[in-house]
């Protein structure tokens, strides 16, 4: 994006994607610095100076109120960007509370099960089909909750919000599980989110 005041340190992961989506949707200028996780770049001293946990994403906002701000944790970043831009942050108190609820659900329960599936299938030296089945069943249960939520509304909290942007990358990466199940409302929602130009630009930026 032009006129970038925000540096985004990221890789092509669900946590990073949700931040890129928020930056695009809020029309905030940013520069992407791709972090090579496979080579361990996230464990180098320059990166650890920004995030001692050695994880993406990280943003550095050079135009933050009060001076340059470095921020980690994708959920915290989404909240910060929503408040900074004044967008995708429901004004109605009840809707706002539910947006926070689904942001937490997406960035904790959903993300944890998706990450555990990845670790079991691609990283851990001892692969376990039993564990993979457990993680997939738990994630499917969460997807059922989301599908039920979307049965009577277009978006997770009636209007598009940080909740949708937080959940979308996980549903996208777990498309095989969605395809094996019966999630018509979630499929419709996924297609609607994917069709947003800002979402498409964000996914391309990190590809």
N, C-alpha and C. Protein backbone atom coordinates (compact mmCIF):
# COMPACT_ATOMS: atom_id res chain seq x y z
N UNK A 1 0.83 -1.19 0.00
CA UNK A 1 0.00 0.00 0.00
C UNK A 1 0.87 1.26 0.00
N UNK A 2 0.40 2.34 -0.63
CA UNK A 2 1.14 3.60 -0.63
C UNK A 2 0.99 4.31 0.72
N UNK A 3 1.86 5.29 0.95
CA UNK A 3 1.81 6.09 2.18
C UNK A 3 1.81 5.20 3.42
N UNK A 4 2.68 4.21 3.41
CA UNK A 4 2.71 3.23 4.50
C UNK A 4 3.30 3.84 5.76
N UNK A 5 2.58 3.72 6.84
CA UNK A 5 3.09 4.14 8.15
C UNK A 5 3.22 2.95 9.09
N UNK A 6 2.75 1.78 8.65
CA UNK A 6 2.77 0.58 9.49
C UNK A 6 3.62 -0.49 8.82
N UNK A 7 4.57 -1.04 9.57
CA UNK A 7 5.34 -2.18 9.10
C UNK A 7 4.70 -3.45 9.67
N UNK A 8 4.41 -4.40 8.78
CA UNK A 8 3.82 -5.68 9.18
C UNK A 8 4.86 -6.77 8.97
N UNK A 9 5.26 -7.40 10.04
CA UNK A 9 6.18 -8.54 9.99
C UNK A 9 5.32 -9.79 10.09
N UNK A 10 5.36 -10.59 9.02
CA UNK A 10 4.37 -11.65 8.91
C UNK A 10 4.87 -12.78 8.03
N UNK A 11 4.15 -13.88 8.07
CA UNK A 11 4.33 -14.97 7.13
C UNK A 11 2.95 -15.41 6.68
N UNK A 12 2.89 -16.41 5.83
CA UNK A 12 1.60 -16.82 5.27
C UNK A 12 0.88 -17.77 6.23
N UNK A 13 0.56 -17.25 7.41
CA UNK A 13 -0.14 -18.03 8.43
C UNK A 13 -1.49 -17.38 8.72
N UNK A 14 -2.37 -18.13 9.35
CA UNK A 14 -3.69 -17.60 9.68
C UNK A 14 -3.60 -16.35 10.56
N UNK A 15 -2.72 -16.39 11.55
CA UNK A 15 -2.59 -15.23 12.45
C UNK A 15 -2.13 -13.99 11.69
N UNK A 16 -1.19 -14.17 10.79
CA UNK A 16 -0.71 -13.04 9.99
C UNK A 16 -1.77 -12.57 9.00
N UNK A 17 -2.47 -13.51 8.40
CA UNK A 17 -3.47 -13.17 7.39
C UNK A 17 -4.57 -12.29 7.98
N UNK A 18 -5.00 -12.60 9.20
CA UNK A 18 -6.09 -11.78 9.76
C UNK A 18 -5.65 -10.33 9.97
N UNK A 19 -4.38 -10.11 10.28
CA UNK A 19 -3.89 -8.74 10.45
C UNK A 19 -3.80 -8.04 9.09
N UNK A 20 -3.30 -8.74 8.08
CA UNK A 20 -3.23 -8.15 6.74
C UNK A 20 -4.62 -7.79 6.24
N UNK A 21 -5.59 -8.66 6.51
CA UNK A 21 -6.98 -8.37 6.11
C UNK A 21 -7.46 -7.09 6.78
N UNK A 22 -7.19 -6.96 8.06
CA UNK A 22 -7.67 -5.78 8.79
C UNK A 22 -7.00 -4.51 8.26
N UNK A 23 -5.73 -4.57 7.96
CA UNK A 23 -5.02 -3.41 7.42
C UNK A 23 -5.62 -3.00 6.08
N UNK A 24 -5.89 -3.98 5.22
CA UNK A 24 -6.48 -3.67 3.92
C UNK A 24 -7.89 -3.13 4.07
N UNK A 25 -8.69 -3.77 4.88
CA UNK A 25 -10.09 -3.36 5.03
C UNK A 25 -10.20 -1.97 5.67
N UNK A 26 -9.26 -1.63 6.51
CA UNK A 26 -9.26 -0.31 7.15
C UNK A 26 -8.56 0.75 6.29
N UNK A 27 -8.01 0.33 5.14
CA UNK A 27 -7.31 1.23 4.23
C UNK A 27 -6.16 1.95 4.92
N UNK A 28 -5.43 1.20 5.76
CA UNK A 28 -4.26 1.74 6.44
C UNK A 28 -3.01 1.37 5.65
N UNK A 29 -2.15 2.35 5.42
CA UNK A 29 -0.95 2.10 4.65
C UNK A 29 0.03 1.21 5.41
N UNK A 30 0.53 0.17 4.76
CA UNK A 30 1.45 -0.75 5.43
C UNK A 30 2.45 -1.34 4.45
N UNK A 31 3.56 -1.78 5.00
CA UNK A 31 4.59 -2.49 4.26
C UNK A 31 4.72 -3.88 4.85
N UNK A 32 4.81 -4.90 4.00
CA UNK A 32 4.98 -6.28 4.46
C UNK A 32 6.45 -6.63 4.50
N UNK A 33 6.87 -7.17 5.63
CA UNK A 33 8.21 -7.76 5.77
C UNK A 33 7.99 -9.24 6.04
N UNK A 34 8.25 -10.05 5.04
CA UNK A 34 7.99 -11.48 5.19
C UNK A 34 9.06 -12.12 6.06
N UNK A 35 8.61 -12.85 7.06
CA UNK A 35 9.50 -13.52 8.01
C UNK A 35 9.58 -14.99 7.61
N UNK A 36 10.79 -15.47 7.35
CA UNK A 36 11.00 -16.85 6.92
C UNK A 36 11.03 -17.77 8.14
N UNK A 37 9.89 -18.36 8.45
CA UNK A 37 9.80 -19.23 9.63
C UNK A 37 10.62 -20.50 9.46
N UNK A 38 10.70 -20.99 8.23
CA UNK A 38 11.40 -22.26 8.00
C UNK A 38 12.90 -22.14 8.28
N UNK A 39 13.45 -20.93 8.12
CA UNK A 39 14.88 -20.74 8.38
C UNK A 39 15.14 -20.26 9.80
N UNK A 40 14.07 -20.03 10.56
CA UNK A 40 14.23 -19.59 11.94
C UNK A 40 14.44 -18.09 12.09
N UNK A 41 14.03 -17.32 11.09
CA UNK A 41 14.22 -15.87 11.16
C UNK A 41 13.52 -15.26 12.38
N UNK A 42 12.44 -15.91 12.80
CA UNK A 42 11.69 -15.40 13.97
C UNK A 42 12.46 -15.56 15.27
N UNK A 43 13.55 -16.30 15.24
CA UNK A 43 14.37 -16.50 16.44
C UNK A 43 15.66 -15.69 16.41
N UNK A 44 15.82 -14.83 15.42
CA UNK A 44 17.01 -14.00 15.34
C UNK A 44 16.87 -12.79 16.27
N UNK A 45 17.99 -12.22 16.62
CA UNK A 45 17.97 -11.10 17.57
C UNK A 45 17.14 -9.90 17.08
N UNK A 46 17.25 -9.51 15.80
CA UNK A 46 16.43 -8.36 15.37
C UNK A 46 14.94 -8.61 15.55
N UNK A 47 14.50 -9.83 15.24
CA UNK A 47 13.07 -10.10 15.39
C UNK A 47 12.69 -10.22 16.86
N UNK A 48 13.51 -10.88 17.64
CA UNK A 48 13.20 -11.04 19.06
C UNK A 48 13.17 -9.70 19.79
N UNK A 49 13.86 -8.71 19.26
CA UNK A 49 13.80 -7.39 19.88
C UNK A 49 12.42 -6.77 19.73
N UNK A 50 11.66 -7.22 18.72
CA UNK A 50 10.28 -6.75 18.54
C UNK A 50 9.29 -7.64 19.27
N UNK A 51 9.53 -8.94 19.22
CA UNK A 51 8.64 -9.89 19.90
C UNK A 51 9.48 -10.99 20.54
N UNK A 52 9.74 -10.91 21.84
CA UNK A 52 10.55 -11.92 22.52
C UNK A 52 9.98 -13.32 22.42
N UNK A 53 8.68 -13.44 22.12
CA UNK A 53 8.08 -14.77 21.96
C UNK A 53 8.47 -15.42 20.64
N UNK A 54 9.05 -14.65 19.73
CA UNK A 54 9.49 -15.21 18.47
C UNK A 54 8.36 -15.71 17.60
N UNK A 55 7.30 -14.92 17.48
CA UNK A 55 6.14 -15.34 16.71
C UNK A 55 5.62 -14.18 15.87
N UNK A 56 5.06 -14.51 14.72
CA UNK A 56 4.38 -13.52 13.88
C UNK A 56 2.89 -13.60 14.19
N UNK A 57 2.18 -12.48 13.95
CA UNK A 57 2.60 -11.21 13.35
C UNK A 57 3.08 -10.20 14.38
N UNK A 58 3.77 -9.20 13.86
CA UNK A 58 4.16 -8.02 14.63
C UNK A 58 3.86 -6.81 13.75
N UNK A 59 3.31 -5.76 14.35
CA UNK A 59 3.22 -4.50 13.61
C UNK A 59 4.03 -3.44 14.34
N UNK A 60 4.59 -2.53 13.55
CA UNK A 60 5.24 -1.34 14.09
C UNK A 60 4.53 -0.16 13.44
N UNK A 61 3.77 0.57 14.24
CA UNK A 61 3.00 1.71 13.74
C UNK A 61 3.78 2.99 14.03
N UNK A 62 4.32 3.58 12.97
CA UNK A 62 5.16 4.78 13.12
C UNK A 62 4.33 6.05 13.27
N UNK A 63 3.00 5.92 13.10
CA UNK A 63 2.13 7.08 13.25
C UNK A 63 1.12 6.88 14.37
N UNK A 64 1.47 6.06 15.32
CA UNK A 64 0.56 5.80 16.44
C UNK A 64 0.45 7.03 17.33
N UNK A 65 -0.70 7.23 17.94
CA UNK A 65 -0.82 8.33 18.90
C UNK A 65 0.20 8.16 20.03
N UNK A 66 0.96 9.18 20.28
CA UNK A 66 1.95 9.10 21.34
C UNK A 66 3.32 8.62 20.90
N UNK A 67 3.45 8.26 19.62
CA UNK A 67 4.75 7.81 19.13
C UNK A 67 4.71 6.39 18.60
N UNK A 68 5.83 5.94 18.07
CA UNK A 68 5.91 4.62 17.44
C UNK A 68 5.49 3.53 18.42
N UNK A 69 4.64 2.62 17.92
CA UNK A 69 4.11 1.52 18.73
C UNK A 69 4.45 0.20 18.08
N UNK A 70 5.02 -0.71 18.85
CA UNK A 70 5.24 -2.09 18.40
C UNK A 70 4.24 -2.97 19.13
N UNK A 71 3.52 -3.80 18.35
CA UNK A 71 2.44 -4.60 18.94
C UNK A 71 2.46 -6.01 18.38
N UNK A 72 2.25 -6.98 19.26
CA UNK A 72 2.19 -8.39 18.88
C UNK A 72 0.80 -8.93 19.25
N UNK A 73 0.58 -10.21 18.94
CA UNK A 73 -0.68 -10.91 19.19
C UNK A 73 -1.77 -10.42 18.23
N UNK A 74 -2.19 -11.30 17.34
CA UNK A 74 -3.10 -10.90 16.27
C UNK A 74 -4.41 -10.33 16.78
N UNK A 75 -4.97 -10.88 17.84
CA UNK A 75 -6.24 -10.36 18.37
C UNK A 75 -6.06 -8.93 18.89
N UNK A 76 -4.97 -8.70 19.60
CA UNK A 76 -4.69 -7.36 20.11
C UNK A 76 -4.49 -6.38 18.96
N UNK A 77 -3.81 -6.83 17.92
CA UNK A 77 -3.57 -5.96 16.76
C UNK A 77 -4.89 -5.61 16.08
N UNK A 78 -5.79 -6.59 15.91
CA UNK A 78 -7.07 -6.30 15.30
C UNK A 78 -7.86 -5.27 16.10
N UNK A 79 -7.86 -5.42 17.41
CA UNK A 79 -8.56 -4.45 18.26
C UNK A 79 -7.95 -3.06 18.12
N UNK A 80 -6.62 -3.01 18.13
CA UNK A 80 -5.94 -1.72 18.00
C UNK A 80 -6.27 -1.06 16.67
N UNK A 81 -6.20 -1.83 15.59
CA UNK A 81 -6.46 -1.26 14.27
C UNK A 81 -7.91 -0.82 14.12
N UNK A 82 -8.83 -1.58 14.71
CA UNK A 82 -10.25 -1.20 14.65
C UNK A 82 -10.47 0.13 15.35
N UNK A 83 -9.84 0.30 16.50
CA UNK A 83 -9.99 1.56 17.23
C UNK A 83 -9.26 2.70 16.53
N UNK A 84 -8.11 2.39 15.95
CA UNK A 84 -7.34 3.43 15.25
C UNK A 84 -8.09 3.94 14.04
N UNK A 85 -8.71 3.03 13.30
CA UNK A 85 -9.42 3.41 12.07
C UNK A 85 -10.88 3.76 12.32
N UNK A 86 -11.41 3.34 13.46
CA UNK A 86 -12.82 3.56 13.73
C UNK A 86 -13.74 2.75 12.85
N UNK A 87 -13.29 1.54 12.50
CA UNK A 87 -14.06 0.70 11.58
C UNK A 87 -14.09 -0.75 12.08
N UNK A 88 -15.15 -1.46 11.67
CA UNK A 88 -15.31 -2.89 11.97
C UNK A 88 -15.31 -3.16 13.46
N UNK A 89 -15.86 -2.20 14.17
CA UNK A 89 -15.88 -2.18 15.62
C UNK A 89 -17.29 -1.74 16.00
N UNK A 90 -18.24 -2.67 16.18
CA UNK A 90 -19.66 -2.30 16.34
C UNK A 90 -19.87 -1.22 17.39
N UNK A 91 -20.68 -0.24 17.04
CA UNK A 91 -20.99 0.84 17.98
C UNK A 91 -21.99 0.38 19.04
N UNK A 92 -22.92 -0.49 18.64
CA UNK A 92 -23.88 -1.02 19.59
C UNK A 92 -23.16 -1.85 20.65
N UNK A 93 -23.45 -1.62 21.91
CA UNK A 93 -22.71 -2.26 23.00
C UNK A 93 -22.83 -3.78 22.97
N UNK A 94 -24.02 -4.29 22.70
CA UNK A 94 -24.21 -5.74 22.69
C UNK A 94 -23.48 -6.38 21.51
N UNK A 95 -23.60 -5.75 20.34
CA UNK A 95 -22.89 -6.28 19.17
C UNK A 95 -21.38 -6.23 19.38
N UNK A 96 -20.91 -5.15 19.98
CA UNK A 96 -19.48 -5.02 20.25
C UNK A 96 -19.00 -6.13 21.19
N UNK A 97 -19.79 -6.43 22.21
CA UNK A 97 -19.43 -7.50 23.14
C UNK A 97 -19.36 -8.85 22.43
N UNK A 98 -20.31 -9.09 21.53
CA UNK A 98 -20.28 -10.36 20.79
C UNK A 98 -19.13 -10.40 19.78
N UNK A 99 -18.77 -9.24 19.24
CA UNK A 99 -17.60 -9.21 18.36
C UNK A 99 -16.34 -9.59 19.13
N UNK A 100 -16.22 -9.09 20.36
CA UNK A 100 -15.09 -9.46 21.22
C UNK A 100 -15.13 -10.96 21.52
N UNK A 101 -16.33 -11.47 21.78
CA UNK A 101 -16.50 -12.89 22.08
C UNK A 101 -16.00 -13.77 20.94
N UNK A 102 -16.41 -13.42 19.71
CA UNK A 102 -16.01 -14.24 18.57
C UNK A 102 -14.55 -14.00 18.18
N UNK A 103 -14.05 -12.81 18.43
CA UNK A 103 -12.61 -12.57 18.23
C UNK A 103 -11.81 -13.50 19.15
N UNK A 104 -12.23 -13.60 20.41
CA UNK A 104 -11.54 -14.48 21.35
C UNK A 104 -11.68 -15.94 20.95
N UNK A 105 -12.88 -16.33 20.55
CA UNK A 105 -13.13 -17.71 20.13
C UNK A 105 -12.22 -18.08 18.95
N UNK A 106 -12.15 -17.19 17.96
CA UNK A 106 -11.34 -17.46 16.77
C UNK A 106 -9.86 -17.53 17.08
N UNK A 107 -9.39 -16.61 17.93
CA UNK A 107 -7.94 -16.50 18.18
C UNK A 107 -7.46 -17.43 19.28
N UNK A 108 -8.38 -18.09 19.97
CA UNK A 108 -7.97 -19.04 21.01
C UNK A 108 -8.39 -20.45 20.63
N UNK A 109 -9.64 -20.78 20.79
CA UNK A 109 -10.10 -22.16 20.56
C UNK A 109 -9.88 -22.63 19.13
N UNK A 110 -10.39 -21.86 18.15
CA UNK A 110 -10.21 -22.24 16.76
C UNK A 110 -8.72 -22.33 16.40
N UNK A 111 -7.97 -21.28 16.74
CA UNK A 111 -6.55 -21.25 16.37
C UNK A 111 -5.78 -22.38 17.02
N UNK A 112 -6.09 -22.68 18.27
CA UNK A 112 -5.37 -23.74 18.98
C UNK A 112 -5.57 -25.09 18.31
N UNK A 113 -6.82 -25.42 17.98
CA UNK A 113 -7.08 -26.72 17.35
C UNK A 113 -6.44 -26.79 15.97
N UNK A 114 -6.51 -25.70 15.21
CA UNK A 114 -5.91 -25.68 13.89
C UNK A 114 -4.39 -25.84 13.98
N UNK A 115 -3.79 -25.16 14.95
CA UNK A 115 -2.34 -25.26 15.15
C UNK A 115 -1.94 -26.66 15.58
N UNK A 116 -2.72 -27.25 16.47
CA UNK A 116 -2.39 -28.60 16.92
C UNK A 116 -2.46 -29.61 15.78
N UNK A 117 -3.43 -29.43 14.88
CA UNK A 117 -3.49 -30.29 13.70
C UNK A 117 -2.24 -30.13 12.85
N UNK A 118 -1.82 -28.89 12.63
CA UNK A 118 -0.62 -28.64 11.84
C UNK A 118 0.61 -29.26 12.50
N UNK A 119 0.77 -29.05 13.79
CA UNK A 119 1.94 -29.59 14.49
C UNK A 119 1.95 -31.11 14.43
N UNK A 120 0.79 -31.72 14.66
CA UNK A 120 0.72 -33.19 14.66
C UNK A 120 1.03 -33.76 13.28
N UNK A 121 0.52 -33.09 12.24
CA UNK A 121 0.64 -33.65 10.89
C UNK A 121 1.93 -33.28 10.18
N UNK A 122 2.57 -32.17 10.60
CA UNK A 122 3.70 -31.69 9.82
C UNK A 122 4.99 -31.46 10.60
N UNK A 123 4.91 -31.34 11.92
CA UNK A 123 6.09 -30.92 12.68
C UNK A 123 6.56 -31.98 13.67
N UNK A 124 5.68 -32.50 14.46
CA UNK A 124 6.09 -33.45 15.50
C UNK A 124 6.70 -34.70 14.91
N UNK A 125 7.75 -35.24 15.54
CA UNK A 125 8.42 -36.42 14.98
C UNK A 125 7.54 -37.67 15.01
N UNK A 126 6.66 -37.77 16.00
CA UNK A 126 5.76 -38.93 16.10
C UNK A 126 4.36 -38.50 15.71
N UNK A 127 3.93 -38.88 14.51
CA UNK A 127 2.60 -38.53 14.03
C UNK A 127 1.58 -39.48 14.66
N UNK A 128 0.46 -38.94 15.07
CA UNK A 128 -0.57 -39.74 15.72
C UNK A 128 -1.90 -39.53 15.03
N UNK A 129 -2.44 -40.59 14.44
CA UNK A 129 -3.75 -40.50 13.81
C UNK A 129 -4.84 -40.27 14.85
N UNK A 130 -4.64 -40.87 16.02
CA UNK A 130 -5.63 -40.69 17.09
C UNK A 130 -5.69 -39.23 17.52
N UNK A 131 -4.53 -38.62 17.68
CA UNK A 131 -4.50 -37.20 18.06
C UNK A 131 -5.08 -36.33 16.96
N UNK A 132 -4.72 -36.65 15.71
CA UNK A 132 -5.25 -35.87 14.59
C UNK A 132 -6.78 -35.94 14.56
N UNK A 133 -7.31 -37.13 14.82
CA UNK A 133 -8.76 -37.29 14.85
C UNK A 133 -9.39 -36.50 15.97
N UNK A 134 -8.73 -36.47 17.12
CA UNK A 134 -9.26 -35.70 18.25
C UNK A 134 -9.30 -34.22 17.93
N UNK A 135 -8.19 -33.70 17.38
CA UNK A 135 -8.13 -32.27 17.06
C UNK A 135 -9.15 -31.91 15.97
N UNK A 136 -9.27 -32.79 14.96
CA UNK A 136 -10.22 -32.50 13.89
C UNK A 136 -11.66 -32.53 14.40
N UNK A 137 -11.98 -33.48 15.25
CA UNK A 137 -13.34 -33.54 15.80
C UNK A 137 -13.65 -32.31 16.64
N UNK A 138 -12.67 -31.86 17.41
CA UNK A 138 -12.89 -30.67 18.23
C UNK A 138 -13.09 -29.44 17.34
N UNK A 139 -12.26 -29.34 16.30
CA UNK A 139 -12.40 -28.21 15.38
C UNK A 139 -13.74 -28.27 14.65
N UNK A 140 -14.18 -29.47 14.28
CA UNK A 140 -15.48 -29.62 13.61
C UNK A 140 -16.61 -29.16 14.52
N UNK A 141 -16.48 -29.41 15.81
CA UNK A 141 -17.51 -28.96 16.75
C UNK A 141 -17.56 -27.44 16.78
N UNK A 142 -16.39 -26.82 16.76
CA UNK A 142 -16.36 -25.35 16.74
C UNK A 142 -16.97 -24.82 15.44
N UNK A 143 -16.67 -25.48 14.33
CA UNK A 143 -17.22 -25.06 13.05
C UNK A 143 -18.74 -25.18 13.04
N UNK A 144 -19.25 -26.20 13.70
CA UNK A 144 -20.70 -26.36 13.81
C UNK A 144 -21.31 -25.19 14.57
N UNK A 145 -20.64 -24.74 15.63
CA UNK A 145 -21.12 -23.59 16.40
C UNK A 145 -21.16 -22.35 15.52
N UNK A 146 -20.11 -22.16 14.71
CA UNK A 146 -20.08 -21.01 13.81
C UNK A 146 -21.16 -21.12 12.74
N UNK A 147 -21.36 -22.32 12.21
CA UNK A 147 -22.40 -22.52 11.19
C UNK A 147 -23.78 -22.21 11.77
N UNK A 148 -24.04 -22.67 12.98
CA UNK A 148 -25.32 -22.37 13.63
C UNK A 148 -25.48 -20.86 13.85
N UNK A 149 -24.40 -20.21 14.24
CA UNK A 149 -24.45 -18.77 14.47
C UNK A 149 -24.84 -18.02 13.20
N UNK A 150 -24.36 -18.52 12.06
CA UNK A 150 -24.58 -17.84 10.78
C UNK A 150 -25.90 -18.23 10.12
N UNK A 151 -26.66 -19.08 10.76
CA UNK A 151 -27.92 -19.53 10.16
C UNK A 151 -28.92 -18.40 10.00
N UNK A 152 -28.86 -17.42 10.89
CA UNK A 152 -29.85 -16.35 10.88
C UNK A 152 -29.24 -14.97 10.66
N UNK A 153 -27.97 -14.93 10.24
CA UNK A 153 -27.34 -13.63 10.04
C UNK A 153 -26.26 -13.76 8.97
N UNK A 154 -25.96 -12.63 8.33
CA UNK A 154 -24.98 -12.62 7.24
C UNK A 154 -23.56 -12.73 7.76
N UNK A 155 -23.29 -12.07 8.89
CA UNK A 155 -21.97 -12.07 9.49
C UNK A 155 -22.08 -12.52 10.95
N UNK A 156 -20.97 -12.71 11.60
CA UNK A 156 -20.99 -13.29 12.94
C UNK A 156 -21.71 -12.42 13.96
N UNK A 157 -21.66 -11.09 13.79
CA UNK A 157 -22.35 -10.21 14.72
C UNK A 157 -23.25 -9.23 13.97
N UNK A 158 -23.93 -9.72 12.94
CA UNK A 158 -24.91 -8.95 12.16
C UNK A 158 -24.28 -7.96 11.19
N UNK A 159 -23.16 -7.37 11.53
CA UNK A 159 -22.43 -6.51 10.61
C UNK A 159 -21.00 -7.02 10.53
N UNK A 160 -20.37 -6.86 9.36
CA UNK A 160 -19.01 -7.36 9.20
C UNK A 160 -18.10 -6.67 10.21
N UNK A 161 -17.22 -7.45 10.85
CA UNK A 161 -16.42 -6.89 11.95
C UNK A 161 -15.11 -7.65 12.10
N UNK A 162 -14.36 -7.24 13.11
CA UNK A 162 -13.12 -7.93 13.44
C UNK A 162 -13.34 -9.41 13.69
N UNK A 163 -14.53 -9.80 14.11
CA UNK A 163 -14.82 -11.20 14.36
C UNK A 163 -14.71 -12.02 13.08
N UNK A 164 -15.28 -11.50 12.00
CA UNK A 164 -15.22 -12.21 10.72
C UNK A 164 -13.79 -12.28 10.19
N UNK A 165 -13.06 -11.19 10.32
CA UNK A 165 -11.69 -11.17 9.81
C UNK A 165 -10.78 -12.08 10.63
N UNK A 166 -11.11 -12.28 11.91
CA UNK A 166 -10.30 -13.17 12.75
C UNK A 166 -10.54 -14.64 12.40
N UNK A 167 -11.79 -14.98 12.12
CA UNK A 167 -12.12 -16.39 11.89
C UNK A 167 -11.84 -16.85 10.47
N UNK A 168 -12.01 -15.98 9.50
CA UNK A 168 -11.91 -16.39 8.10
C UNK A 168 -10.65 -17.16 7.74
N UNK A 169 -9.44 -16.71 8.12
CA UNK A 169 -8.24 -17.45 7.69
C UNK A 169 -8.21 -18.90 8.19
N UNK A 170 -8.79 -19.16 9.36
CA UNK A 170 -8.78 -20.53 9.87
C UNK A 170 -9.75 -21.40 9.09
N UNK A 171 -10.94 -20.88 8.83
CA UNK A 171 -11.90 -21.64 8.03
C UNK A 171 -11.33 -21.90 6.64
N UNK A 172 -10.64 -20.91 6.09
CA UNK A 172 -10.05 -21.06 4.76
C UNK A 172 -8.99 -22.16 4.75
N UNK A 173 -8.09 -22.16 5.71
CA UNK A 173 -7.01 -23.14 5.69
C UNK A 173 -7.52 -24.54 6.02
N UNK A 174 -8.66 -24.63 6.71
CA UNK A 174 -9.24 -25.93 7.04
C UNK A 174 -10.40 -26.27 6.12
N UNK A 175 -10.28 -25.85 4.86
CA UNK A 175 -11.35 -26.06 3.89
C UNK A 175 -11.68 -27.54 3.70
N UNK A 176 -10.69 -28.42 3.86
CA UNK A 176 -10.95 -29.85 3.68
C UNK A 176 -11.92 -30.37 4.74
N UNK A 177 -11.77 -29.90 5.97
CA UNK A 177 -12.68 -30.30 7.04
C UNK A 177 -14.06 -29.74 6.78
N UNK A 178 -14.12 -28.50 6.33
CA UNK A 178 -15.41 -27.89 5.99
C UNK A 178 -16.09 -28.68 4.87
N UNK A 179 -15.31 -29.09 3.86
CA UNK A 179 -15.87 -29.82 2.72
C UNK A 179 -16.41 -31.19 3.14
N UNK A 180 -15.80 -31.81 4.14
CA UNK A 180 -16.24 -33.14 4.59
C UNK A 180 -17.49 -33.06 5.47
N UNK A 181 -17.76 -31.90 6.01
CA UNK A 181 -18.90 -31.74 6.91
C UNK A 181 -20.12 -31.16 6.22
N UNK A 182 -21.05 -30.72 7.04
CA UNK A 182 -22.26 -30.09 6.52
C UNK A 182 -22.36 -28.71 7.16
N UNK A 183 -21.78 -27.73 6.47
CA UNK A 183 -21.71 -26.37 7.00
C UNK A 183 -22.18 -25.37 5.94
N UNK A 184 -23.43 -25.43 5.52
CA UNK A 184 -23.89 -24.55 4.42
C UNK A 184 -23.78 -23.08 4.74
N UNK A 185 -24.06 -22.70 5.96
CA UNK A 185 -24.01 -21.28 6.32
C UNK A 185 -22.57 -20.79 6.37
N UNK A 186 -21.69 -21.63 6.85
CA UNK A 186 -20.27 -21.28 6.93
C UNK A 186 -19.68 -21.17 5.52
N UNK A 187 -20.08 -22.05 4.62
CA UNK A 187 -19.60 -21.98 3.24
C UNK A 187 -20.06 -20.69 2.59
N UNK A 188 -21.32 -20.34 2.76
CA UNK A 188 -21.85 -19.09 2.20
C UNK A 188 -21.10 -17.89 2.76
N UNK A 189 -20.87 -17.89 4.06
CA UNK A 189 -20.13 -16.80 4.71
C UNK A 189 -18.70 -16.71 4.20
N UNK A 190 -18.04 -17.87 4.08
CA UNK A 190 -16.66 -17.90 3.60
C UNK A 190 -16.55 -17.30 2.21
N UNK A 191 -17.47 -17.65 1.34
CA UNK A 191 -17.45 -17.13 -0.02
C UNK A 191 -17.66 -15.62 -0.02
N UNK A 192 -18.53 -15.13 0.86
CA UNK A 192 -18.79 -13.69 0.92
C UNK A 192 -17.56 -12.93 1.42
N UNK A 193 -16.88 -13.47 2.44
CA UNK A 193 -15.68 -12.81 2.96
C UNK A 193 -14.57 -12.85 1.91
N UNK A 194 -14.39 -14.00 1.26
CA UNK A 194 -13.33 -14.14 0.25
C UNK A 194 -13.53 -13.19 -0.92
N UNK A 195 -14.79 -12.83 -1.21
CA UNK A 195 -15.08 -11.97 -2.36
C UNK A 195 -14.79 -10.50 -2.08
N UNK A 196 -14.51 -10.15 -0.84
CA UNK A 196 -14.21 -8.75 -0.53
C UNK A 196 -12.84 -8.38 -1.10
N UNK A 197 -12.74 -7.28 -1.84
CA UNK A 197 -11.45 -6.91 -2.45
C UNK A 197 -10.31 -6.77 -1.44
N UNK A 198 -10.61 -6.20 -0.27
CA UNK A 198 -9.56 -6.05 0.74
C UNK A 198 -9.03 -7.38 1.22
N UNK A 199 -9.91 -8.35 1.36
CA UNK A 199 -9.49 -9.68 1.79
C UNK A 199 -8.61 -10.32 0.71
N UNK A 200 -9.03 -10.20 -0.54
CA UNK A 200 -8.24 -10.77 -1.64
C UNK A 200 -6.86 -10.14 -1.71
N UNK A 201 -6.78 -8.83 -1.52
CA UNK A 201 -5.47 -8.16 -1.56
C UNK A 201 -4.59 -8.62 -0.41
N UNK A 202 -5.17 -8.79 0.76
CA UNK A 202 -4.40 -9.22 1.91
C UNK A 202 -3.83 -10.62 1.72
N UNK A 203 -4.66 -11.52 1.21
CA UNK A 203 -4.19 -12.89 1.01
C UNK A 203 -3.07 -12.91 -0.04
N UNK A 204 -3.19 -12.09 -1.06
CA UNK A 204 -2.16 -12.04 -2.11
C UNK A 204 -0.87 -11.44 -1.56
N UNK A 205 -0.98 -10.49 -0.64
CA UNK A 205 0.20 -9.81 -0.10
C UNK A 205 1.09 -10.77 0.67
N UNK A 206 0.50 -11.79 1.27
CA UNK A 206 1.28 -12.72 2.08
C UNK A 206 1.57 -14.05 1.37
N UNK A 207 1.04 -14.22 0.19
CA UNK A 207 1.21 -15.50 -0.53
C UNK A 207 2.67 -15.72 -0.93
